[in-house]
Amino acid sequence: MHADDGEGPLAPGTLLAGRYRLGERIGTGGSASVHRARDELLGRDVAIKAVRGSSDPAAAERERTEVQLLARLNHRALVTVFDAVSVRIGDAESILVVMELVDGPTLSQRRAEGPLADRELLRMARDLAEALAVVHAEGIVHRDVKPSNILLAPSPLPEHEHDARLADFGIAAIDGGGDLTATGAVLGTAAYLSPEQAVGGDVGPAADVYALGLVL
């Protein structure tokens, strides 16, 4: 799957699984792209993350494990996973993860506009710390907590600007186990690495807490 995939199973207007009508691509990375879509059954907008499939059975199993683990996570400061759909892209079967659409900026983008009010920062810190506690309780380490992986949804409450959502578990690992993504994946972002990540050591929940501290 490439940035110019204007045709095929991910073309705008394509109906997936009889209910998800694809819209424009809203994000892309080394092994995945994210598309706006419409759930025509429930009448709501969603985001669909298309992870490039692999012909390697072990890699495909890692993809399935990642989706199953993330689908178990539930907290107001985590992007909710609704569904997963399998489609063939090129010569490999790929998993499309249907998620909550967070229609707002990243924390990185919001920060460029100016400082956050203290009450907003405190609320965000509390919510994201709770979200990490939920993630870690499931034995998952995010490994890439940074401003561009924190999405800001418009708050329905007039006294608050945004609600934070921690997103992008693409390089997550199982605490005490193996990577959820393929061997050789980038293990974090330089400015937000914990000391153990920086030296290639064992990475546990403390690395996420350290990164959240740097973000704040």
Protein backbone atom coordinates (compact mmCIF):
# COMPACT_ATOMS: atom_id res chain seq x y z
CA MET A 1 0.00 0.00 0.00
CA HIS A 2 1.49 3.36 -1.01
CA ALA A 3 0.57 7.02 -0.74
CA ASP A 4 -0.78 7.04 -4.29
CA ASP A 5 -3.19 4.13 -3.87
CA GLY A 6 -6.12 5.99 -5.41
CA GLU A 7 -7.62 2.77 -6.76
CA GLY A 8 -8.29 -0.71 -5.48
CA PRO A 9 -9.76 -1.75 -2.13
CA LEU A 10 -8.87 1.57 -0.41
CA ALA A 11 -10.22 3.94 -3.07
CA PRO A 12 -12.62 6.63 -1.81
CA GLY A 13 -16.20 5.49 -2.22
CA THR A 14 -15.38 1.79 -1.76
CA LEU A 15 -17.79 -0.08 0.52
CA LEU A 16 -16.04 -2.47 2.91
CA ALA A 17 -17.76 -5.32 4.80
CA GLY A 18 -21.08 -4.09 3.47
CA ARG A 19 -21.11 -1.06 5.82
CA TYR A 20 -17.95 1.11 5.78
CA ARG A 21 -17.85 3.68 2.95
CA LEU A 22 -14.28 4.93 2.56
CA GLY A 23 -13.50 8.63 2.33
CA GLU A 24 -10.23 10.51 1.99
CA ARG A 25 -6.93 9.41 3.49
CA ILE A 26 -6.17 11.54 6.57
CA GLY A 27 -2.82 10.09 7.60
CA THR A 28 -0.03 7.81 6.45
CA GLY A 29 3.08 6.16 7.84
CA GLY A 30 5.69 3.59 6.94
CA SER A 31 3.40 0.56 7.20
CA ALA A 32 -0.11 1.95 7.52
CA SER A 33 -2.52 4.61 6.35
CA VAL A 34 -5.58 6.07 8.05
CA HIS A 35 -8.78 6.90 6.18
CA ARG A 36 -11.97 8.69 7.10
CA ALA A 37 -15.01 6.46 6.52
CA ARG A 38 -18.74 6.36 7.11
CA ASP A 39 -20.37 3.50 8.99
CA GLU A 40 -23.56 3.32 6.95
CA LEU A 41 -25.19 0.84 9.32
CA LEU A 42 -24.90 3.08 12.41
CA GLY A 43 -24.78 6.41 10.58
CA ARG A 44 -21.52 7.66 12.11
CA ASP A 45 -18.09 8.71 10.89
CA VAL A 46 -15.15 6.48 11.82
CA ALA A 47 -11.43 6.18 11.11
CA ILE A 48 -10.05 3.10 9.38
CA LYS A 49 -6.39 2.23 9.84
CA ALA A 50 -5.09 -0.01 7.07
CA VAL A 51 -2.02 -1.97 8.14
CA ARG A 52 -0.04 -3.36 5.23
CA GLY A 53 -0.27 -7.13 5.34
CA SER A 54 2.57 -9.60 5.20
CA SER A 55 2.91 -12.98 3.54
CA ASP A 56 4.89 -14.09 6.61
CA PRO A 57 2.50 -16.12 8.84
CA ALA A 58 4.30 -14.96 12.01
CA ALA A 59 3.92 -11.30 11.03
CA ALA A 60 0.24 -11.82 10.20
CA GLU A 61 -0.28 -13.42 13.61
CA ARG A 62 1.37 -10.39 15.28
CA GLU A 63 -1.07 -8.12 13.46
CA ARG A 64 -4.06 -10.14 14.68
CA THR A 65 -2.70 -10.19 18.23
CA GLU A 66 -2.25 -6.40 18.19
CA VAL A 67 -5.84 -5.81 17.09
CA GLN A 68 -7.23 -8.21 19.69
CA LEU A 69 -5.23 -6.61 22.49
CA LEU A 70 -6.16 -3.05 21.52
CA ALA A 71 -9.83 -3.99 21.23
CA ARG A 72 -9.76 -4.95 24.94
CA LEU A 73 -8.64 -1.48 26.01
CA ASN A 74 -11.36 0.85 27.25
CA HIS A 75 -10.81 4.33 28.66
CA ARG A 76 -12.01 7.81 27.76
CA ALA A 77 -8.43 8.86 26.90
CA LEU A 78 -7.82 5.96 24.50
CA VAL A 79 -8.99 5.77 20.89
CA THR A 80 -11.76 3.16 20.87
CA VAL A 81 -11.50 0.20 18.48
CA PHE A 82 -14.92 -0.69 17.03
CA ASP A 83 -14.24 -3.44 14.50
CA ALA A 84 -11.68 -5.13 12.25
CA VAL A 85 -12.08 -6.04 8.59
CA SER A 86 -9.80 -8.15 6.42
CA VAL A 87 -9.16 -7.22 2.78
CA ARG A 88 -6.63 -8.24 0.18
CA ILE A 89 -4.21 -5.49 -0.81
CA GLY A 90 -1.66 -6.52 -3.41
CA ASP A 91 -0.45 -10.03 -2.64
CA ALA A 92 -1.22 -10.01 1.09
CA GLU A 93 -4.27 -10.10 3.32
CA SER A 94 -4.44 -6.87 5.34
CA ILE A 95 -6.31 -5.95 8.50
CA LEU A 96 -8.34 -2.76 8.52
CA VAL A 97 -8.95 -1.52 12.05
CA VAL A 98 -12.15 0.51 12.46
CA MET A 99 -11.69 3.10 15.19
CA GLU A 100 -13.23 6.14 16.77
CA LEU A 101 -12.68 9.21 14.56
CA VAL A 102 -10.98 11.96 16.56
CA ASP A 103 -11.76 15.04 14.50
CA GLY A 104 -9.26 17.47 15.96
CA PRO A 105 -5.55 18.39 16.08
CA THR A 106 -2.72 16.48 17.65
CA LEU A 107 -1.18 17.87 20.82
CA SER A 108 1.86 18.76 18.73
CA GLN A 109 -0.29 20.90 16.42
CA ARG A 110 -2.17 22.51 19.30
CA ARG A 111 1.07 23.32 21.11
CA ALA A 112 2.26 25.28 18.07
CA GLU A 113 -0.69 27.65 18.54
CA GLY A 114 0.39 28.66 22.05
CA PRO A 115 0.39 27.38 25.64
CA LEU A 116 -2.45 25.37 27.13
CA ALA A 117 -4.28 26.72 30.16
CA ASP A 118 -3.10 25.14 33.41
CA ARG A 119 -6.49 23.52 34.05
CA GLU A 120 -6.39 21.91 30.58
CA LEU A 121 -2.87 20.58 31.12
CA LEU A 122 -3.79 19.13 34.52
CA ARG A 123 -6.88 17.45 33.09
CA MET A 124 -4.88 16.03 30.20
CA ALA A 125 -2.17 14.75 32.54
CA ARG A 126 -4.73 12.96 34.71
CA ASP A 127 -6.57 11.41 31.77
CA LEU A 128 -3.43 10.22 29.98
CA ALA A 129 -1.93 8.82 33.19
CA GLU A 130 -5.13 6.85 33.77
CA ALA A 131 -5.09 5.64 30.16
CA LEU A 132 -1.53 4.36 30.55
CA ALA A 133 -2.53 2.58 33.75
CA VAL A 134 -5.25 0.76 31.78
CA VAL A 135 -2.79 -0.08 28.98
CA HIS A 136 -0.17 -1.37 31.40
CA ALA A 137 -2.73 -3.44 33.32
CA GLU A 138 -3.31 -5.35 30.05
CA GLY A 139 0.42 -6.04 29.77
CA ILE A 140 1.00 -3.58 26.91
CA VAL A 141 3.76 -0.97 26.67
CA HIS A 142 3.05 1.82 24.16
CA ARG A 143 6.73 2.82 23.60
CA ASP A 144 5.97 5.96 21.60
CA VAL A 145 4.13 8.43 23.84
CA LYS A 146 4.69 11.84 22.24
CA PRO A 147 2.64 14.94 21.33
CA SER A 148 1.92 13.80 17.77
CA ASN A 149 0.41 10.54 19.12
CA ILE A 150 -1.99 12.41 21.41
CA LEU A 151 -5.16 13.41 19.57
CA LEU A 152 -7.38 16.22 20.81
CA ALA A 153 -11.11 15.83 20.30
CA PRO A 154 -13.36 18.87 20.76
CA SER A 155 -14.81 18.64 24.27
CA PRO A 156 -18.61 18.50 24.59
CA LEU A 157 -18.24 20.44 27.86
CA PRO A 158 -18.08 24.23 27.38
CA GLU A 159 -15.56 24.71 30.20
CA HIS A 160 -12.95 22.53 28.46
CA GLU A 161 -11.14 22.99 25.15
CA HIS A 162 -10.31 19.39 24.23
CA ASP A 163 -10.43 15.77 25.37
CA ALA A 164 -7.13 13.94 24.90
CA ARG A 165 -6.87 10.50 23.27
CA LEU A 166 -3.67 8.42 23.23
CA ALA A 167 -3.33 6.81 19.81
CA ASP A 168 -0.98 4.83 17.56
CA PHE A 169 0.11 1.60 19.21
CA GLY A 170 1.98 0.63 16.05
CA ILE A 171 5.26 -0.14 17.84
CA ALA A 172 3.76 -1.39 21.10
CA ALA A 173 5.16 -4.39 22.95
CA ILE A 174 3.82 -6.93 25.40
CA ASP A 175 5.38 -6.27 28.79
CA GLY A 176 7.80 -9.08 29.46
CA GLY A 177 7.15 -10.57 26.01
CA GLY A 178 7.78 -9.78 22.39
CA ASP A 179 7.03 -6.94 20.05
CA LEU A 180 3.55 -6.65 18.60
CA THR A 181 5.05 -5.32 15.41
CA ALA A 182 7.67 -6.80 13.11
CA THR A 183 11.23 -7.29 14.25
CA GLY A 184 13.34 -4.25 13.38
CA ALA A 185 10.55 -1.69 13.89
CA VAL A 186 11.61 1.74 15.12
CA LEU A 187 11.42 1.63 18.91
CA GLY A 188 10.44 5.20 19.69
CA THR A 189 11.03 8.87 18.95
CA ALA A 190 14.36 10.35 19.99
CA ALA A 191 13.07 13.33 21.97
CA TYR A 192 10.79 11.12 24.10
CA LEU A 193 12.92 8.02 24.67
CA SER A 194 13.46 6.66 28.14
CA PRO A 195 17.08 5.86 29.06
CA GLU A 196 16.46 2.11 28.66
CA GLN A 197 15.01 2.64 25.18
CA ALA A 198 17.95 4.81 24.18
CA VAL A 199 20.45 2.05 24.99
CA GLY A 200 18.33 -0.79 23.56
CA GLY A 201 17.50 -2.31 26.93
CA ASP A 202 14.36 -4.03 28.16
CA VAL A 203 11.40 -1.67 27.98
CA GLY A 204 8.54 -1.80 30.48
CA PRO A 205 5.71 0.46 31.65
CA ALA A 206 8.17 2.89 33.27
CA ALA A 207 9.29 3.95 29.78
CA ASP A 208 5.78 5.21 28.99
CA VAL A 209 5.55 7.08 32.30
CA TYR A 210 8.93 8.71 31.58
CA ALA A 211 7.77 9.74 28.10
CA LEU A 212 4.52 11.18 29.45
CA GLY A 213 6.57 13.25 31.88
CA LEU A 214 8.58 14.64 28.94
CA VAL A 215 5.37 15.41 27.04
CA LEU A 216 3.92 17.34 29.97
